């Protein structure tokens, strides 16, 4: 699975790092990534960094505790390569940009 196709990458040009600073849970979610279990990454900002892409967003790895932080496209892709199948997926069936963080964590 392509975690950052060109149209989605282009969408992030409107939301570079620090562009939604101070909005907290009212920040728009630009992309949602998840595992089949409990981990979820709600990317609210992002921009290229050399041969990588750095995101900022609201993250849970256990489905309970959420925190703001940075995460890397290369790291997510490496998880998928390591296991040999798609572990981390991208939400395909809704447009996350229509939602705020607050609306998606309910």
N, C-alpha and C. Protein backbone atom coordinates (compact mmCIF):
# COMPACT_ATOMS: atom_id res chain seq x y z
N UNK A 1 0.84 -1.18 0.00
CA UNK A 1 0.00 0.00 0.00
C UNK A 1 0.89 1.24 0.00
N UNK A 2 0.55 2.18 -0.86
CA UNK A 2 1.26 3.45 -0.89
C UNK A 2 0.71 4.32 0.24
N UNK A 3 1.54 4.59 1.23
CA UNK A 3 1.09 5.36 2.39
C UNK A 3 0.99 6.86 2.11
N UNK A 4 1.68 7.34 1.07
CA UNK A 4 1.63 8.76 0.75
C UNK A 4 1.61 8.97 -0.76
N UNK A 5 0.46 8.69 -1.40
CA UNK A 5 0.37 8.92 -2.85
C UNK A 5 0.46 10.42 -3.16
N UNK A 6 0.78 10.72 -4.40
CA UNK A 6 1.00 12.11 -4.82
C UNK A 6 -0.14 13.06 -4.45
N UNK A 7 -1.42 12.71 -4.66
CA UNK A 7 -2.49 13.65 -4.29
C UNK A 7 -2.51 13.97 -2.79
N UNK A 8 -2.23 12.97 -1.96
CA UNK A 8 -2.20 13.21 -0.52
C UNK A 8 -0.99 14.04 -0.15
N UNK A 9 0.14 13.75 -0.75
CA UNK A 9 1.36 14.54 -0.49
C UNK A 9 1.12 16.00 -0.86
N UNK A 10 0.43 16.24 -1.96
CA UNK A 10 0.12 17.60 -2.38
C UNK A 10 -0.79 18.30 -1.37
N UNK A 11 -1.70 17.55 -0.77
CA UNK A 11 -2.61 18.11 0.23
C UNK A 11 -1.84 18.67 1.42
N UNK A 12 -0.74 18.01 1.76
CA UNK A 12 0.06 18.47 2.90
C UNK A 12 0.76 19.79 2.64
N UNK A 13 0.85 20.24 1.39
CA UNK A 13 1.49 21.54 1.13
C UNK A 13 0.70 22.67 1.79
N UNK A 14 -0.60 22.46 2.00
CA UNK A 14 -1.42 23.45 2.72
C UNK A 14 -1.25 23.35 4.24
N UNK A 15 -0.65 22.24 4.70
CA UNK A 15 -0.52 21.98 6.14
C UNK A 15 0.91 21.55 6.48
N UNK A 16 1.91 22.44 6.23
CA UNK A 16 3.28 22.08 6.60
C UNK A 16 3.42 22.05 8.13
N UNK A 17 4.56 21.56 8.60
CA UNK A 17 4.80 21.50 10.05
C UNK A 17 4.59 22.87 10.68
N UNK A 18 3.97 22.89 11.81
CA UNK A 18 3.65 24.08 12.63
C UNK A 18 2.48 24.90 12.10
N UNK A 19 1.86 24.51 10.99
CA UNK A 19 0.78 25.31 10.41
C UNK A 19 -0.50 25.27 11.24
N UNK A 20 -0.71 24.22 12.03
CA UNK A 20 -1.92 24.14 12.85
C UNK A 20 -1.58 24.27 14.34
N UNK A 21 -0.39 24.80 14.61
CA UNK A 21 0.08 24.96 15.98
C UNK A 21 -0.94 25.75 16.80
N UNK A 22 -1.27 25.26 17.96
CA UNK A 22 -2.19 25.93 18.86
C UNK A 22 -3.65 25.53 18.69
N UNK A 23 -3.98 24.78 17.67
CA UNK A 23 -5.37 24.36 17.46
C UNK A 23 -5.76 23.16 18.32
N UNK A 24 -4.77 22.42 18.79
CA UNK A 24 -5.05 21.26 19.63
C UNK A 24 -5.98 20.29 18.94
N UNK A 25 -6.98 19.82 19.66
CA UNK A 25 -7.91 18.82 19.14
C UNK A 25 -8.80 19.36 18.02
N UNK A 26 -8.77 20.66 17.79
CA UNK A 26 -9.54 21.27 16.70
C UNK A 26 -8.78 21.25 15.37
N UNK A 27 -7.54 20.75 15.37
CA UNK A 27 -6.74 20.68 14.15
C UNK A 27 -7.39 19.72 13.16
N UNK A 28 -7.31 20.05 11.87
CA UNK A 28 -7.82 19.17 10.82
C UNK A 28 -6.90 17.97 10.67
N UNK A 29 -7.47 16.82 10.45
CA UNK A 29 -6.70 15.61 10.18
C UNK A 29 -6.56 15.50 8.67
N UNK A 30 -5.32 15.43 8.19
CA UNK A 30 -5.06 15.36 6.76
C UNK A 30 -4.97 13.92 6.29
N UNK A 31 -4.44 13.04 7.14
CA UNK A 31 -4.35 11.62 6.80
C UNK A 31 -4.48 10.80 8.08
N UNK A 32 -5.11 9.64 7.94
CA UNK A 32 -5.24 8.72 9.07
C UNK A 32 -4.56 7.40 8.70
N UNK A 33 -3.67 6.96 9.59
CA UNK A 33 -2.99 5.68 9.43
C UNK A 33 -3.35 4.81 10.62
N UNK A 34 -3.37 3.49 10.43
CA UNK A 34 -3.77 2.62 11.53
C UNK A 34 -3.24 1.21 11.29
N UNK A 35 -3.21 0.44 12.36
CA UNK A 35 -2.96 -0.99 12.25
C UNK A 35 -4.30 -1.68 12.42
N UNK A 36 -4.35 -2.95 12.16
CA UNK A 36 -5.60 -3.69 12.33
C UNK A 36 -5.99 -3.84 13.78
N UNK A 37 -5.14 -3.44 14.68
CA UNK A 37 -5.41 -3.60 16.10
C UNK A 37 -5.69 -2.25 16.75
N UNK A 38 -4.72 -1.70 17.44
CA UNK A 38 -5.01 -0.53 18.27
C UNK A 38 -4.25 0.74 17.90
N UNK A 39 -3.19 0.66 17.13
CA UNK A 39 -2.39 1.85 16.83
C UNK A 39 -3.08 2.72 15.78
N UNK A 40 -3.05 4.04 16.02
CA UNK A 40 -3.62 5.01 15.08
C UNK A 40 -2.75 6.25 15.07
N UNK A 41 -2.49 6.75 13.87
CA UNK A 41 -1.75 7.99 13.69
C UNK A 41 -2.67 8.95 12.95
N UNK A 42 -2.99 10.10 13.54
CA UNK A 42 -3.81 11.13 12.89
C UNK A 42 -2.87 12.26 12.49
N UNK A 43 -2.48 12.31 11.23
CA UNK A 43 -1.52 13.30 10.76
C UNK A 43 -2.21 14.63 10.50
N UNK A 44 -1.78 15.66 11.21
CA UNK A 44 -2.37 16.99 11.05
C UNK A 44 -1.47 17.93 10.27
N UNK A 45 -0.20 17.60 10.16
CA UNK A 45 0.77 18.42 9.43
C UNK A 45 1.84 17.50 8.86
N UNK A 46 2.56 17.97 7.86
CA UNK A 46 3.65 17.18 7.33
C UNK A 46 4.38 17.89 6.22
N UNK A 47 5.65 17.51 6.04
CA UNK A 47 6.44 18.09 4.97
C UNK A 47 7.64 17.20 4.66
N UNK A 48 8.17 17.32 3.44
CA UNK A 48 9.34 16.52 3.07
C UNK A 48 10.54 16.91 3.93
N UNK A 49 11.40 15.92 4.16
CA UNK A 49 12.65 16.13 4.89
C UNK A 49 13.69 15.22 4.23
N UNK A 50 14.39 15.75 3.24
CA UNK A 50 15.33 14.94 2.47
C UNK A 50 14.58 13.85 1.72
N UNK A 51 14.97 12.59 1.94
CA UNK A 51 14.29 11.48 1.27
C UNK A 51 13.17 10.89 2.12
N UNK A 52 12.77 11.61 3.14
CA UNK A 52 11.72 11.16 4.05
C UNK A 52 10.59 12.19 4.05
N UNK A 53 9.54 11.88 4.76
CA UNK A 53 8.43 12.82 4.95
C UNK A 53 8.10 12.76 6.44
N UNK A 54 8.12 13.90 7.10
CA UNK A 54 7.89 13.97 8.53
C UNK A 54 6.48 14.49 8.79
N UNK A 55 5.75 13.76 9.60
CA UNK A 55 4.39 14.13 10.00
C UNK A 55 4.39 14.59 11.45
N UNK A 56 3.38 15.37 11.79
CA UNK A 56 3.07 15.69 13.18
C UNK A 56 1.61 15.38 13.36
N UNK A 57 1.27 14.81 14.49
CA UNK A 57 -0.13 14.50 14.72
C UNK A 57 -0.38 13.87 16.07
N UNK A 58 -1.57 13.35 16.22
CA UNK A 58 -2.04 12.75 17.47
C UNK A 58 -1.96 11.24 17.29
N UNK A 59 -1.30 10.57 18.23
CA UNK A 59 -0.95 9.17 18.04
C UNK A 59 -1.29 8.33 19.27
N UNK A 60 -1.79 7.13 19.03
CA UNK A 60 -1.91 6.13 20.08
C UNK A 60 -1.33 4.83 19.56
N UNK A 61 -0.57 4.16 20.39
CA UNK A 61 -0.03 2.86 20.01
C UNK A 61 -0.73 1.72 20.73
N UNK A 62 -1.56 2.07 21.72
CA UNK A 62 -2.26 1.04 22.49
C UNK A 62 -3.78 1.21 22.49
N UNK A 63 -4.28 2.23 21.81
CA UNK A 63 -5.72 2.46 21.75
C UNK A 63 -6.28 3.18 22.97
N UNK A 64 -5.43 3.51 23.92
CA UNK A 64 -5.88 4.15 25.16
C UNK A 64 -5.22 5.50 25.35
N UNK A 65 -3.89 5.50 25.38
CA UNK A 65 -3.11 6.71 25.65
C UNK A 65 -2.77 7.42 24.34
N UNK A 66 -3.17 8.68 24.24
CA UNK A 66 -2.89 9.49 23.05
C UNK A 66 -1.86 10.55 23.40
N UNK A 67 -1.02 10.91 22.42
CA UNK A 67 -0.08 12.01 22.61
C UNK A 67 0.26 12.63 21.26
N UNK A 68 0.66 13.89 21.33
CA UNK A 68 1.10 14.61 20.14
C UNK A 68 2.55 14.25 19.87
N UNK A 69 2.91 14.11 18.60
CA UNK A 69 4.29 13.81 18.29
C UNK A 69 4.56 13.74 16.80
N UNK A 70 5.84 13.57 16.50
CA UNK A 70 6.31 13.46 15.12
C UNK A 70 6.46 12.00 14.75
N UNK A 71 6.22 11.67 13.50
CA UNK A 71 6.46 10.32 13.00
C UNK A 71 6.87 10.43 11.54
N UNK A 72 7.55 9.39 11.08
CA UNK A 72 8.21 9.41 9.80
C UNK A 72 7.59 8.41 8.82
N UNK A 73 7.44 8.83 7.57
CA UNK A 73 6.95 7.94 6.53
C UNK A 73 7.90 6.75 6.36
N UNK A 74 9.21 7.01 6.36
CA UNK A 74 10.17 5.92 6.19
C UNK A 74 10.03 4.88 7.30
N UNK A 75 9.80 5.32 8.53
CA UNK A 75 9.64 4.38 9.64
C UNK A 75 8.39 3.52 9.47
N UNK A 76 7.29 4.13 9.04
CA UNK A 76 6.06 3.36 8.82
C UNK A 76 6.25 2.35 7.68
N UNK A 77 6.91 2.78 6.60
CA UNK A 77 7.15 1.88 5.48
C UNK A 77 8.08 0.74 5.89
N UNK A 78 9.06 1.02 6.76
CA UNK A 78 9.97 -0.01 7.22
C UNK A 78 9.24 -1.09 8.02
N UNK A 79 8.25 -0.70 8.82
CA UNK A 79 7.44 -1.69 9.54
C UNK A 79 6.79 -2.64 8.54
N UNK A 80 6.19 -2.09 7.50
CA UNK A 80 5.54 -2.93 6.49
C UNK A 80 6.54 -3.82 5.77
N UNK A 81 7.72 -3.29 5.43
CA UNK A 81 8.75 -4.10 4.76
C UNK A 81 9.25 -5.21 5.69
N UNK A 82 9.43 -4.88 6.95
CA UNK A 82 9.95 -5.86 7.92
C UNK A 82 9.05 -7.09 8.02
N UNK A 83 7.76 -6.85 8.06
CA UNK A 83 6.82 -7.97 8.19
C UNK A 83 6.46 -8.61 6.86
N UNK A 84 6.74 -7.90 5.77
CA UNK A 84 6.46 -8.47 4.45
C UNK A 84 5.03 -8.34 4.00
N UNK A 85 4.23 -7.63 4.76
CA UNK A 85 2.85 -7.36 4.37
C UNK A 85 2.42 -6.05 5.02
N UNK A 86 1.25 -5.56 4.66
CA UNK A 86 0.78 -4.27 5.16
C UNK A 86 0.34 -4.39 6.60
N UNK A 87 1.11 -3.78 7.49
CA UNK A 87 0.77 -3.71 8.91
C UNK A 87 0.12 -2.36 9.18
N UNK A 88 0.75 -1.32 8.65
CA UNK A 88 0.22 0.04 8.79
C UNK A 88 -0.50 0.39 7.50
N UNK A 89 -1.77 0.75 7.62
CA UNK A 89 -2.60 1.09 6.47
C UNK A 89 -3.00 2.56 6.52
N UNK A 90 -3.46 3.05 5.37
CA UNK A 90 -3.98 4.42 5.28
C UNK A 90 -5.48 4.34 5.10
N UNK A 91 -6.20 5.19 5.80
CA UNK A 91 -7.66 5.26 5.64
C UNK A 91 -7.99 5.62 4.21
N UNK A 92 -8.80 4.80 3.56
CA UNK A 92 -9.15 5.00 2.15
C UNK A 92 -10.59 5.42 1.93
N UNK A 93 -11.47 5.15 2.89
CA UNK A 93 -12.90 5.24 2.61
C UNK A 93 -13.59 6.50 3.13
N UNK A 94 -12.87 7.32 3.85
CA UNK A 94 -13.42 8.62 4.23
C UNK A 94 -12.33 9.65 4.00
N UNK A 95 -12.70 10.88 3.86
CA UNK A 95 -11.72 11.94 3.67
C UNK A 95 -11.40 12.54 5.03
N UNK A 96 -10.27 12.16 5.62
CA UNK A 96 -9.95 12.67 6.96
C UNK A 96 -9.92 14.19 7.04
N UNK A 97 -9.63 14.88 5.93
CA UNK A 97 -9.56 16.34 5.97
C UNK A 97 -10.92 16.95 6.33
N UNK A 98 -11.97 16.17 6.27
CA UNK A 98 -13.29 16.66 6.65
C UNK A 98 -13.50 16.62 8.16
N UNK A 99 -12.50 16.11 8.91
CA UNK A 99 -12.66 15.90 10.35
C UNK A 99 -11.54 16.57 11.14
N UNK A 100 -11.87 16.89 12.37
CA UNK A 100 -10.85 17.36 13.30
C UNK A 100 -10.39 16.16 14.13
N UNK A 101 -9.28 16.34 14.82
CA UNK A 101 -8.79 15.29 15.71
C UNK A 101 -9.88 14.90 16.70
N UNK A 102 -10.51 15.89 17.29
CA UNK A 102 -11.55 15.66 18.28
C UNK A 102 -12.66 14.74 17.76
N UNK A 103 -13.05 14.92 16.51
CA UNK A 103 -14.13 14.12 15.92
C UNK A 103 -13.71 12.68 15.66
N UNK A 104 -12.43 12.45 15.42
CA UNK A 104 -11.97 11.10 15.08
C UNK A 104 -11.54 10.27 16.29
N UNK A 105 -11.39 10.88 17.45
CA UNK A 105 -10.97 10.09 18.62
C UNK A 105 -12.14 9.73 19.51
N UNK A 106 -13.31 10.16 19.17
CA UNK A 106 -14.50 9.84 19.98
C UNK A 106 -14.79 8.38 19.99
